[in-house]
Protein backbone atom coordinates (compact mmCIF):
# COMPACT_ATOMS: atom_id res chain seq x y z
CA MET A 1 -15.15 -2.06 18.48
CA LYS A 2 -17.10 0.11 16.01
CA LYS A 3 -14.05 2.40 15.73
CA ILE A 4 -11.80 -0.59 14.99
CA VAL A 5 -14.12 -1.96 12.31
CA SER A 6 -14.54 1.44 10.61
CA SER A 7 -10.78 1.95 10.73
CA LEU A 8 -10.27 -1.45 9.16
CA VAL A 9 -12.49 -0.47 6.23
CA ALA A 10 -9.97 2.21 5.23
CA VAL A 11 -7.03 -0.13 5.67
CA SER A 12 -8.79 -2.92 3.81
CA MET A 13 -9.31 -0.69 0.77
CA LEU A 14 -5.57 -0.12 0.61
CA ALA A 15 -4.74 -3.75 1.22
CA THR A 16 -7.11 -4.80 -1.52
CA ALA A 17 -5.49 -2.31 -3.88
CA ALA A 18 -2.03 -3.40 -2.88
CA ILE A 19 -2.61 -6.97 -3.94
CA PRO A 20 -3.86 -7.02 -7.52
CA VAL A 21 -5.33 -10.42 -8.38
CA PHE A 22 -2.82 -11.10 -11.13
CA ALA A 23 0.27 -10.14 -9.13
CA SER A 24 2.42 -12.96 -7.88
CA GLU A 25 5.94 -13.54 -6.74
CA SER A 26 6.75 -14.69 -10.27
CA THR A 27 5.86 -11.29 -11.77
CA PRO A 28 8.96 -10.39 -13.81
CA VAL A 29 10.83 -7.36 -12.52
CA ASN A 30 14.21 -6.07 -13.62
CA GLN A 31 16.01 -6.42 -10.29
CA ALA A 32 18.64 -3.82 -11.24
CA GLN A 33 15.93 -1.16 -10.93
CA VAL A 34 14.68 -2.35 -7.57
CA ASN A 35 16.64 -2.11 -4.32
CA SER A 36 17.22 -4.99 -1.92
CA MET A 37 13.80 -4.52 -0.29
CA GLY A 38 12.01 -4.94 -3.63
CA GLN A 39 11.30 -1.23 -3.84
CA ILE A 40 11.95 1.25 -6.61
CA SER A 41 14.98 3.34 -5.62
CA GLU A 42 14.51 6.83 -4.22
CA ALA A 43 16.65 8.18 -7.07
CA LEU A 44 14.34 6.65 -9.68
CA LYS A 45 11.24 7.90 -7.81
CA SER A 46 12.69 11.43 -7.82
CA LYS A 47 13.41 11.37 -11.55
CA VAL A 48 10.01 9.93 -12.48
CA GLU A 49 7.69 11.77 -10.06
CA PRO A 50 7.36 14.97 -12.19
CA TYR A 51 6.29 12.81 -15.16
CA VAL A 52 3.45 10.98 -13.41
CA LYS A 53 0.02 12.57 -13.09
CA ILE A 54 -3.34 11.33 -11.87
CA GLU A 55 -6.25 11.59 -14.30
CA ASN A 56 -9.63 9.93 -13.76
CA LYS A 57 -8.33 7.94 -10.79
CA GLN A 58 -5.47 6.49 -12.85
CA PHE A 59 -1.73 7.15 -12.85
CA LYS A 60 -0.44 8.27 -16.26
CA LEU A 61 2.99 9.09 -17.65
CA VAL A 62 3.23 12.55 -19.22
CA ASN A 63 6.04 13.91 -21.41
CA GLU A 64 7.37 10.40 -21.85
CA ASP A 65 9.87 11.56 -24.50
CA LYS A 66 11.53 13.87 -21.96
CA LEU A 67 11.52 11.12 -19.35
CA ARG A 68 13.29 8.76 -21.79
CA GLN A 69 16.19 11.23 -21.84
CA LYS A 70 16.54 11.02 -18.05
CA ILE A 71 16.20 7.28 -17.39
CA SER A 72 17.21 4.06 -19.12
CA SER A 73 14.81 1.98 -21.19
CA ASN A 74 14.95 -0.69 -18.47
CA ASP A 75 13.98 1.89 -15.85
CA LEU A 76 11.13 3.08 -18.08
CA ALA A 77 9.85 -0.48 -18.45
CA THR A 78 9.97 -0.91 -14.66
CA VAL A 79 8.08 2.36 -14.14
CA LYS A 80 5.41 1.38 -16.66
CA GLN A 81 4.99 -2.02 -15.02
CA SER A 82 4.57 -0.39 -11.61
CA ILE A 83 2.03 2.11 -12.98
CA ASN A 84 0.03 -0.69 -14.62
CA LEU A 85 -0.06 -2.65 -11.35
CA ALA A 86 -1.00 0.50 -9.41
CA ASN A 87 -3.87 1.26 -11.78
CA GLU A 88 -5.17 -2.31 -11.51
CA GLY A 89 -5.06 -2.10 -7.74
CA ILE A 90 -6.73 1.30 -7.57
CA LYS A 91 -9.76 -0.01 -9.46
CA THR A 92 -10.75 -1.90 -6.31
CA VAL A 93 -10.67 1.15 -4.01
CA PRO A 94 -14.16 2.69 -4.05
CA MET A 95 -13.67 5.87 -2.00
CA THR A 96 -10.64 8.05 -2.68
CA ARG A 97 -9.43 11.57 -3.30
CA VAL A 98 -6.31 12.94 -4.96
CA GLU A 99 -3.73 14.80 -2.90
CA GLY A 100 -0.65 15.88 -4.84
CA ASN A 101 0.52 12.84 -6.76
CA ALA A 102 -1.11 10.29 -4.44
CA ILE A 103 -4.54 8.73 -4.07
CA VAL A 104 -5.55 8.95 -0.41
CA ALA A 105 -8.42 8.15 1.95
CA PRO A 106 -11.22 10.71 1.77
CA ARG A 107 -11.45 13.25 4.57
CA GLY A 108 -14.18 12.72 7.09
CA GLY A 109 -14.70 9.41 8.75
CA ILE A 110 -12.11 7.01 7.41
CA SER A 111 -8.79 8.46 8.50
CA VAL A 112 -8.58 8.03 12.26
CA LEU A 113 -5.99 10.06 14.17
CA SER A 114 -5.49 9.60 17.89
CA ILE A 115 -2.81 9.54 20.55
CA GLU A 116 -2.30 5.89 19.71
CA GLY A 117 -1.48 6.59 16.05
CA LYS A 118 -3.57 7.00 12.96
CA THR A 119 -5.29 4.69 10.51
CA ASP A 120 -4.87 5.95 6.96
CA TYR A 121 -3.44 5.08 3.54
CA GLU A 122 -1.81 6.58 0.44
CA LEU A 123 -1.46 4.98 -2.97
CA HIS A 124 1.40 6.05 -5.25
CA TRP A 125 2.52 4.96 -8.73
CA TRP A 126 5.46 3.14 -7.11
CA GLY A 127 3.64 1.56 -4.16
CA TRP A 128 1.51 2.14 -1.11
CA GLN A 129 1.73 3.34 2.48
CA VAL A 130 -0.60 2.40 5.32
CA TRP A 131 -0.83 3.51 8.92
CA LEU A 132 -2.58 1.30 11.49
CA SER A 133 -3.46 2.70 14.93
CA GLN A 134 -2.53 0.66 17.97
CA SER A 135 -6.17 -0.30 18.66
CA VAL A 136 -6.60 -1.52 15.08
CA VAL A 137 -3.36 -3.55 15.24
CA ARG A 138 -4.28 -5.09 18.58
CA GLY A 139 -7.82 -5.75 17.39
CA ILE A 140 -6.47 -7.68 14.41
CA ALA A 141 -4.03 -9.57 16.66
CA GLU A 142 -6.85 -10.54 19.05
CA LEU A 143 -9.63 -11.23 16.55
CA GLY A 144 -7.57 -12.29 13.56
CA TRP A 145 -8.33 -11.02 10.07
CA ALA A 146 -11.12 -13.56 9.67
CA GLY A 147 -12.69 -12.32 12.91
CA VAL A 148 -13.25 -8.85 11.49
CA GLY A 149 -16.90 -8.57 10.56
CA GLY A 150 -18.95 -6.64 8.06
CA THR A 151 -17.50 -5.06 4.96
CA ALA A 152 -13.98 -5.05 6.38
CA GLY A 153 -14.15 -8.80 6.94
CA LEU A 154 -15.24 -9.45 3.37
CA ILE A 155 -12.48 -7.26 1.96
CA PHE A 156 -9.78 -8.82 4.14
CA LYS A 157 -10.90 -12.27 3.04
CA SER A 158 -10.57 -11.15 -0.58
CA ILE A 159 -6.94 -9.99 -0.26
CA GLY A 160 -5.73 -13.44 0.61
CA ALA A 161 -4.41 -15.12 3.71
CA ALA A 162 -0.74 -14.80 2.71
CA PHE A 163 -0.70 -10.98 2.77
CA ALA A 164 -2.83 -10.64 5.89
CA ALA A 165 -0.92 -13.29 7.84
CA GLY A 166 2.43 -12.02 6.56
CA LEU A 167 1.80 -8.48 7.75
CA MET A 168 0.80 -9.52 11.26
CA ALA A 169 3.48 -12.24 11.49
CA LYS A 170 6.18 -9.69 10.65
CA ALA A 171 4.76 -7.21 13.16
CA ILE A 172 4.57 -9.82 15.94
CA GLU A 173 8.08 -11.07 15.14
CA LYS A 174 9.45 -7.54 15.29
CA PHE A 175 7.58 -6.19 18.34
CA GLY A 176 6.10 -9.19 20.20
CA VAL A 177 2.42 -10.01 20.51
CA GLY A 178 2.01 -8.12 23.79
CA ASN A 179 3.81 -4.99 22.60
CA LEU A 180 2.21 -4.26 19.24
CA PRO A 181 2.42 -0.51 18.55
CA ALA A 182 0.73 1.65 15.95
CA LEU A 183 2.30 0.55 12.67
CA TYR A 184 3.53 2.16 9.48
CA VAL A 185 3.63 -0.29 6.56
CA GLU A 186 5.06 0.45 3.10
CA GLY A 187 5.21 -1.77 0.05
CA THR A 188 5.60 -1.64 -3.70
CA TRP A 189 3.41 -2.84 -6.51
CA LEU A 190 6.37 -4.72 -8.00
CA SER A 191 7.16 -6.89 -4.99
CA ILE A 192 4.06 -7.58 -2.94
CA LYS A 193 5.85 -10.00 -0.61
CA GLU A 194 8.33 -7.34 0.55
CA MET A 195 7.11 -4.65 2.88
CA THR A 196 8.62 -2.32 5.45
CA ILE A 197 6.92 -2.47 8.84
CA LYS A 198 7.86 -0.07 11.62
CA LYS A 199 6.42 1.77 14.58
CA GLN A 200 4.55 4.98 13.75
CA THR A 201 6.41 8.08 14.86
């Protein structure tokens, strides 16, 4: 149980970051720049990635004039909106480190890797990725988010019932309550209601 709760602390930091308080389904997004899953296209990510750096635990655009020559003004507005949402979300994550162009869980204690999958997270300018081990997923399914105690319980309560329930409802719908595997979950800052949930490989 202690392993589940400590694993949930890492996941809860991501989940808290992934749901900025001001974000809502009515947040305006230029849908032409976002694919059908509410995610920034891989092509746009590839073009923008070299122009995004992390400084002082914040994503920043660099060489914006050069970037303007490679993407449309609508794309640039979408990128800036995503970066602003990412930076708001990151403010709530107390323990992090930078790896490449992502903010990740610190080494030592939070990232749990086992034969049943890992529990970890990465925050990017475009969105977030989270891995939940099978024991964490099943613990949440059995106890419910509200049943998670300590710091993890407080953080999960703060992210809101809609996100927490939505994640588990989608996982149960896809895999069945008795067959919940280790999960990989990916979402964007621009469309918090849309997320990709699949089995960890």
